[in-house]
């Protein structure tokens, strides 16, 4: 039984100075709007409503903290790239997100959620550029893998893996790993659970 099912919502914040005390160990989830980030968090934690899931992209507009015990947390970052989000909010997160990813000391790893049909968008690569220089581990979930055939899923996996290795893993000497994932079929849940538990208990 994974201890991630003990995750509980704690707080939502809008500014860097509102973040909880910078202690313990936390893992952030980032992803383009509608890539399946909230669904992934719910599936991984084996909870239906831990993270808010909406059919309308762009609903996650705050940094949401889900604590596990006293010194561990999962952090749901705002979904990026949705056109209907006001420009003022987009500019706000363009300031807050790099500050969080580059300066937060308790952040031990980043999980980037990408729709397998549209991996490594411009905004995905920007997140990698912000975080990879810290040389802390990155794990990529290629979500909605059930939307593609087995062969096409693995082709997308190998192609993305090659690009990530060349541009970030080798260049920055940053540990990067990638996997297929489907919230609908629960594909890859055990694999990502092991990654998260290793990061939080290292």
C-alpha atoms as a PDB file:
ATOM      1  CA  UNK A   1       0.000   0.000   0.000  1.00  0.00           C
ATOM      2  CA  UNK A   2       1.435   3.388  -1.042  1.00  0.00           C
ATOM      3  CA  UNK A   3       1.713   6.104   1.594  1.00  0.00           C
ATOM      4  CA  UNK A   4       0.692   8.572  -1.147  1.00  0.00           C
ATOM      5  CA  UNK A   5      -2.946   7.705  -0.491  1.00  0.00           C
ATOM      6  CA  UNK A   6      -2.530   9.596   2.800  1.00  0.00           C
ATOM      7  CA  UNK A   7      -2.026  12.887   0.940  1.00  0.00           C
ATOM      8  CA  UNK A   8      -4.375  15.640   2.120  1.00  0.00           C
ATOM      9  CA  UNK A   9      -5.090  19.084   0.690  1.00  0.00           C
ATOM     10  CA  UNK A  10      -3.476  21.764   2.862  1.00  0.00           C
ATOM     11  CA  UNK A  11      -3.342  25.158   1.174  1.00  0.00           C
ATOM     12  CA  UNK A  12      -3.566  27.059  -2.110  1.00  0.00           C
ATOM     13  CA  UNK A  13      -1.274  30.037  -2.666  1.00  0.00           C
ATOM     14  CA  UNK A  14      -0.982  32.718  -5.315  1.00  0.00           C
ATOM     15  CA  UNK A  15       2.411  34.242  -4.500  1.00  0.00           C
ATOM     16  CA  UNK A  16       5.889  32.963  -3.699  1.00  0.00           C
ATOM     17  CA  UNK A  17       5.901  34.572  -0.245  1.00  0.00           C
ATOM     18  CA  UNK A  18       2.719  32.695   0.669  1.00  0.00           C
ATOM     19  CA  UNK A  19       4.347  29.269   0.298  1.00  0.00           C
ATOM     20  CA  UNK A  20       4.608  27.046   3.388  1.00  0.00           C
ATOM     21  CA  UNK A  21       7.874  27.027   5.321  1.00  0.00           C
ATOM     22  CA  UNK A  22      10.720  25.847   3.105  1.00  0.00           C
ATOM     23  CA  UNK A  23      11.464  22.625   4.991  1.00  0.00           C
ATOM     24  CA  UNK A  24      10.937  18.911   4.475  1.00  0.00           C
ATOM     25  CA  UNK A  25      10.682  17.313   1.038  1.00  0.00           C
ATOM     26  CA  UNK A  26       8.212  18.129  -1.722  1.00  0.00           C
ATOM     27  CA  UNK A  27       7.627  17.055  -5.320  1.00  0.00           C
ATOM     28  CA  UNK A  28       6.026  19.373  -7.861  1.00  0.00           C
ATOM     29  CA  UNK A  29       3.715  18.384 -10.711  1.00  0.00           C
ATOM     30  CA  UNK A  30       3.779  20.646 -13.758  1.00  0.00           C
ATOM     31  CA  UNK A  31       2.024  20.357 -17.072  1.00  0.00           C
ATOM     32  CA  UNK A  32       0.269  22.057 -19.907  1.00  0.00           C
ATOM     33  CA  UNK A  33      -3.442  22.699 -19.351  1.00  0.00           C
ATOM     34  CA  UNK A  34      -5.535  19.637 -20.183  1.00  0.00           C
ATOM     35  CA  UNK A  35      -2.534  17.296 -20.235  1.00  0.00           C
ATOM     36  CA  UNK A  36      -4.063  15.291 -17.389  1.00  0.00           C
ATOM     37  CA  UNK A  37      -2.074  16.629 -14.444  1.00  0.00           C
ATOM     38  CA  UNK A  38      -4.867  16.650 -11.859  1.00  0.00           C
ATOM     39  CA  UNK A  39      -6.121  13.249 -13.005  1.00  0.00           C
ATOM     40  CA  UNK A  40      -2.594  11.887 -12.673  1.00  0.00           C
ATOM     41  CA  UNK A  41      -2.272  13.159  -9.114  1.00  0.00           C
ATOM     42  CA  UNK A  42      -5.607  11.574  -8.191  1.00  0.00           C
ATOM     43  CA  UNK A  43      -4.678   8.256  -9.801  1.00  0.00           C
ATOM     44  CA  UNK A  44      -1.229   8.142  -8.225  1.00  0.00           C
ATOM     45  CA  UNK A  45      -2.632   8.894  -4.763  1.00  0.00           C
ATOM     46  CA  UNK A  46      -5.566   6.505  -5.293  1.00  0.00           C
ATOM     47  CA  UNK A  47      -8.021   9.286  -4.460  1.00  0.00           C
ATOM     48  CA  UNK A  48     -10.847  10.455  -6.691  1.00  0.00           C
ATOM     49  CA  UNK A  49     -11.003  14.095  -5.641  1.00  0.00           C
ATOM     50  CA  UNK A  50      -7.651  15.065  -4.186  1.00  0.00           C
ATOM     51  CA  UNK A  51      -6.832  17.379  -7.101  1.00  0.00           C
ATOM     52  CA  UNK A  52      -9.626  19.228  -8.856  1.00  0.00           C
ATOM     53  CA  UNK A  53     -10.387  17.766 -12.277  1.00  0.00           C
ATOM     54  CA  UNK A  54     -12.278  19.801 -14.843  1.00  0.00           C
ATOM     55  CA  UNK A  55     -13.217  19.269 -18.481  1.00  0.00           C
ATOM     56  CA  UNK A  56     -12.358  22.932 -18.957  1.00  0.00           C
ATOM     57  CA  UNK A  57      -8.567  23.417 -19.196  1.00  0.00           C
ATOM     58  CA  UNK A  58      -6.850  26.097 -17.180  1.00  0.00           C
ATOM     59  CA  UNK A  59      -8.753  25.571 -13.922  1.00  0.00           C
ATOM     60  CA  UNK A  60      -5.652  24.960 -11.811  1.00  0.00           C
ATOM     61  CA  UNK A  61      -4.508  28.567 -11.376  1.00  0.00           C
ATOM     62  CA  UNK A  62      -2.982  28.399  -7.899  1.00  0.00           C
ATOM     63  CA  UNK A  63      -0.152  26.419  -6.320  1.00  0.00           C
ATOM     64  CA  UNK A  64      -1.924  23.651  -4.403  1.00  0.00           C
ATOM     65  CA  UNK A  65      -0.233  21.746  -1.578  1.00  0.00           C
ATOM     66  CA  UNK A  66      -1.105  18.187  -0.575  1.00  0.00           C
ATOM     67  CA  UNK A  67       0.781  17.138   2.523  1.00  0.00           C
ATOM     68  CA  UNK A  68       1.764  13.619   3.517  1.00  0.00           C
ATOM     69  CA  UNK A  69       2.516  13.502   7.198  1.00  0.00           C
ATOM     70  CA  UNK A  70       4.491  16.364   8.704  1.00  0.00           C
ATOM     71  CA  UNK A  71       7.415  16.773   6.302  1.00  0.00           C
ATOM     72  CA  UNK A  72       6.391  15.615   2.816  1.00  0.00           C
ATOM     73  CA  UNK A  73       4.174  17.169   0.149  1.00  0.00           C
ATOM     74  CA  UNK A  74       2.936  16.899  -3.412  1.00  0.00           C
ATOM     75  CA  UNK A  75       2.609  20.290  -5.107  1.00  0.00           C
ATOM     76  CA  UNK A  76       0.202  20.897  -7.990  1.00  0.00           C
ATOM     77  CA  UNK A  77       1.484  23.842 -10.045  1.00  0.00           C
ATOM     78  CA  UNK A  78      -0.806  25.955 -12.255  1.00  0.00           C
ATOM     79  CA  UNK A  79      -1.547  24.462 -15.651  1.00  0.00           C
ATOM     80  CA  UNK A  80       0.219  26.508 -18.313  1.00  0.00           C
ATOM     81  CA  UNK A  81      -0.521  27.403 -21.899  1.00  0.00           C
ATOM     82  CA  UNK A  82      -4.290  27.799 -21.899  1.00  0.00           C
ATOM     83  CA  UNK A  83      -5.240  30.730 -24.145  1.00  0.00           C
ATOM     84  CA  UNK A  84      -8.320  31.837 -22.176  1.00  0.00           C
ATOM     85  CA  UNK A  85      -6.344  32.521 -19.003  1.00  0.00           C
ATOM     86  CA  UNK A  86      -6.053  36.323 -18.665  1.00  0.00           C
ATOM     87  CA  UNK A  87      -2.722  37.737 -19.859  1.00  0.00           C
ATOM     88  CA  UNK A  88      -2.129  39.307 -16.435  1.00  0.00           C
ATOM     89  CA  UNK A  89      -2.318  35.859 -14.839  1.00  0.00           C
ATOM     90  CA  UNK A  90       0.002  34.347 -17.451  1.00  0.00           C
ATOM     91  CA  UNK A  91       2.549  37.086 -16.754  1.00  0.00           C
ATOM     92  CA  UNK A  92       2.176  36.503 -13.013  1.00  0.00           C
ATOM     93  CA  UNK A  93       2.982  32.792 -13.338  1.00  0.00           C
ATOM     94  CA  UNK A  94       5.883  33.520 -15.681  1.00  0.00           C
ATOM     95  CA  UNK A  95       7.438  35.222 -12.656  1.00  0.00           C
ATOM     96  CA  UNK A  96       6.311  32.861  -9.901  1.00  0.00           C
ATOM     97  CA  UNK A  97       7.008  29.485 -11.531  1.00  0.00           C
ATOM     98  CA  UNK A  98      10.711  30.000 -12.336  1.00  0.00           C
ATOM     99  CA  UNK A  99      11.257  31.456  -8.860  1.00  0.00           C
ATOM    100  CA  UNK A 100       9.648  28.402  -7.292  1.00  0.00           C
ATOM    101  CA  UNK A 101      11.484  25.888  -9.481  1.00  0.00           C
ATOM    102  CA  UNK A 102      14.871  27.556  -9.120  1.00  0.00           C
ATOM    103  CA  UNK A 103      14.842  28.689  -5.482  1.00  0.00           C
ATOM    104  CA  UNK A 104      12.650  26.341  -3.449  1.00  0.00           C
ATOM    105  CA  UNK A 105      15.089  24.294  -1.342  1.00  0.00           C
ATOM    106  CA  UNK A 106      12.607  21.633  -0.205  1.00  0.00           C
ATOM    107  CA  UNK A 107      11.740  20.814  -3.826  1.00  0.00           C
ATOM    108  CA  UNK A 108      13.493  17.479  -4.430  1.00  0.00           C
ATOM    109  CA  UNK A 109      12.110  16.574  -7.849  1.00  0.00           C
ATOM    110  CA  UNK A 110       9.831  17.652 -10.689  1.00  0.00           C
ATOM    111  CA  UNK A 111       7.228  15.569 -12.494  1.00  0.00           C
ATOM    112  CA  UNK A 112       6.193  17.014 -15.844  1.00  0.00           C
ATOM    113  CA  UNK A 113       2.918  15.745 -17.262  1.00  0.00           C
ATOM    114  CA  UNK A 114       2.724  15.765 -21.077  1.00  0.00           C
ATOM    115  CA  UNK A 115      -0.043  14.559 -23.369  1.00  0.00           C
ATOM    116  CA  UNK A 116       1.632  11.776 -25.345  1.00  0.00           C
ATOM    117  CA  UNK A 117       0.108  13.192 -28.538  1.00  0.00           C
ATOM    118  CA  UNK A 118       1.759  16.610 -27.959  1.00  0.00           C
ATOM    119  CA  UNK A 119       4.948  16.153 -25.896  1.00  0.00           C
ATOM    120  CA  UNK A 120       7.655  18.763 -25.388  1.00  0.00           C
ATOM    121  CA  UNK A 121       5.665  21.849 -26.269  1.00  0.00           C
ATOM    122  CA  UNK A 122       7.438  25.192 -26.014  1.00  0.00           C
ATOM    123  CA  UNK A 123       6.156  25.640 -22.461  1.00  0.00           C
ATOM    124  CA  UNK A 124       7.210  22.117 -21.441  1.00  0.00           C
ATOM    125  CA  UNK A 125      10.745  22.861 -22.602  1.00  0.00           C
ATOM    126  CA  UNK A 126      10.708  26.128 -20.689  1.00  0.00           C
ATOM    127  CA  UNK A 127       9.929  24.241 -17.470  1.00  0.00           C
ATOM    128  CA  UNK A 128      12.823  21.884 -18.177  1.00  0.00           C
ATOM    129  CA  UNK A 129      15.120  24.833 -18.862  1.00  0.00           C
ATOM    130  CA  UNK A 130      14.176  26.428 -15.547  1.00  0.00           C
ATOM    131  CA  UNK A 131      14.606  23.313 -13.411  1.00  0.00           C
ATOM    132  CA  UNK A 132      17.287  21.149 -15.056  1.00  0.00           C
ATOM    133  CA  UNK A 133      20.262  23.360 -14.043  1.00  0.00           C
ATOM    134  CA  UNK A 134      19.569  22.446 -10.401  1.00  0.00           C
ATOM    135  CA  UNK A 135      20.540  18.860 -11.257  1.00  0.00           C
ATOM    136  CA  UNK A 136      17.636  17.488  -9.257  1.00  0.00           C
ATOM    137  CA  UNK A 137      15.685  14.587 -10.789  1.00  0.00           C
ATOM    138  CA  UNK A 138      12.982  15.038 -13.398  1.00  0.00           C
ATOM    139  CA  UNK A 139      10.377  12.421 -14.267  1.00  0.00           C
ATOM    140  CA  UNK A 140       8.117  12.807 -17.300  1.00  0.00           C
ATOM    141  CA  UNK A 141       4.686  11.212 -17.558  1.00  0.00           C
ATOM    142  CA  UNK A 142       3.454  10.758 -21.111  1.00  0.00           C
ATOM    143  CA  UNK A 143      -0.227  10.721 -20.234  1.00  0.00           C
ATOM    144  CA  UNK A 144      -3.240   9.475 -22.175  1.00  0.00           C
ATOM    145  CA  UNK A 145      -1.139   6.650 -23.595  1.00  0.00           C
ATOM    146  CA  UNK A 146      -4.388   4.726 -24.062  1.00  0.00           C
ATOM    147  CA  UNK A 147      -5.223   7.129 -26.905  1.00  0.00           C
ATOM    148  CA  UNK A 148      -2.482   5.619 -29.083  1.00  0.00           C
ATOM    149  CA  UNK A 149      -1.689   2.103 -30.184  1.00  0.00           C
ATOM    150  CA  UNK A 150       1.032   0.217 -28.344  1.00  0.00           C
ATOM    151  CA  UNK A 151       3.519   0.739 -31.195  1.00  0.00           C
ATOM    152  CA  UNK A 152       2.809   4.469 -31.533  1.00  0.00           C
ATOM    153  CA  UNK A 153       2.996   4.919 -27.742  1.00  0.00           C
ATOM    154  CA  UNK A 154       6.458   3.391 -27.625  1.00  0.00           C
ATOM    155  CA  UNK A 155       7.587   5.390 -30.649  1.00  0.00           C
ATOM    156  CA  UNK A 156       6.540   8.582 -28.858  1.00  0.00           C
ATOM    157  CA  UNK A 157       8.290   7.399 -25.704  1.00  0.00           C
ATOM    158  CA  UNK A 158      11.598   6.668 -27.449  1.00  0.00           C
ATOM    159  CA  UNK A 159      11.510   9.912 -29.448  1.00  0.00           C
ATOM    160  CA  UNK A 160      10.824  12.046 -26.372  1.00  0.00           C
ATOM    161  CA  UNK A 161      13.408  10.151 -24.349  1.00  0.00           C
ATOM    162  CA  UNK A 162      16.080  10.817 -26.992  1.00  0.00           C
ATOM    163  CA  UNK A 163      15.407  14.562 -27.080  1.00  0.00           C
ATOM    164  CA  UNK A 164      15.305  14.900 -23.289  1.00  0.00           C
ATOM    165  CA  UNK A 165      18.568  12.985 -22.921  1.00  0.00           C
ATOM    166  CA  UNK A 166      20.394  15.165 -25.437  1.00  0.00           C
ATOM    167  CA  UNK A 167      19.030  18.555 -24.372  1.00  0.00           C
ATOM    168  CA  UNK A 168      18.783  18.242 -20.596  1.00  0.00           C
ATOM    169  CA  UNK A 169      20.015  14.982 -19.075  1.00  0.00           C
ATOM    170  CA  UNK A 170      23.418  14.959 -20.780  1.00  0.00           C
ATOM    171  CA  UNK A 171      23.885  18.731 -20.987  1.00  0.00           C
ATOM    172  CA  UNK A 172      23.088  19.499 -17.339  1.00  0.00           C
ATOM    173  CA  UNK A 173      23.957  16.064 -15.938  1.00  0.00           C
ATOM    174  CA  UNK A 174      20.413  15.989 -14.574  1.00  0.00           C
ATOM    175  CA  UNK A 175      18.728  12.647 -13.782  1.00  0.00           C
ATOM    176  CA  UNK A 176      15.765  12.362 -16.183  1.00  0.00           C
ATOM    177  CA  UNK A 177      13.343   9.475 -16.614  1.00  0.00           C
ATOM    178  CA  UNK A 178      10.253   9.032 -18.784  1.00  0.00           C
ATOM    179  CA  UNK A 179       7.339   6.616 -18.784  1.00  0.00           C
ATOM    180  CA  UNK A 180       3.979   5.905 -20.362  1.00  0.00           C
ATOM    181  CA  UNK A 181       0.966   6.707 -18.201  1.00  0.00           C
ATOM    182  CA  UNK A 182      -2.813   6.475 -18.404  1.00  0.00           C
ATOM    183  CA  UNK A 183      -5.175   7.513 -15.629  1.00  0.00           C
ATOM    184  CA  UNK A 184      -8.052   5.790 -17.406  1.00  0.00           C
ATOM    185  CA  UNK A 185      -6.296   2.412 -17.681  1.00  0.00           C
ATOM    186  CA  UNK A 186      -4.064   2.971 -14.600  1.00  0.00           C
ATOM    187  CA  UNK A 187      -1.049   2.259 -16.786  1.00  0.00           C
ATOM    188  CA  UNK A 188       2.282   3.076 -15.136  1.00  0.00           C
ATOM    189  CA  UNK A 189       0.905   3.818 -11.662  1.00  0.00           C
ATOM    190  CA  UNK A 190       3.274   1.465  -9.854  1.00  0.00           C
ATOM    191  CA  UNK A 191       6.282   2.839 -11.741  1.00  0.00           C
ATOM    192  CA  UNK A 192       5.649   6.492 -10.883  1.00  0.00           C
ATOM    193  CA  UNK A 193       4.722   5.578  -7.301  1.00  0.00           C
ATOM    194  CA  UNK A 194       8.171   4.057  -6.845  1.00  0.00           C
ATOM    195  CA  UNK A 195       9.804   7.183  -8.237  1.00  0.00           C
ATOM    196  CA  UNK A 196       7.877   9.479  -5.910  1.00  0.00           C
ATOM    197  CA  UNK A 197       8.413   7.347  -2.813  1.00  0.00           C
ATOM    198  CA  UNK A 198      12.151   7.142  -3.531  1.00  0.00           C
ATOM    199  CA  UNK A 199      12.391  10.928  -3.882  1.00  0.00           C
ATOM    200  CA  UNK A 200      10.410  11.632  -0.733  1.00  0.00           C
ATOM    201  CA  UNK A 201      12.182   9.084   1.465  1.00  0.00           C
ATOM    202  CA  UNK A 202      15.739   9.316   0.092  1.00  0.00           C
END
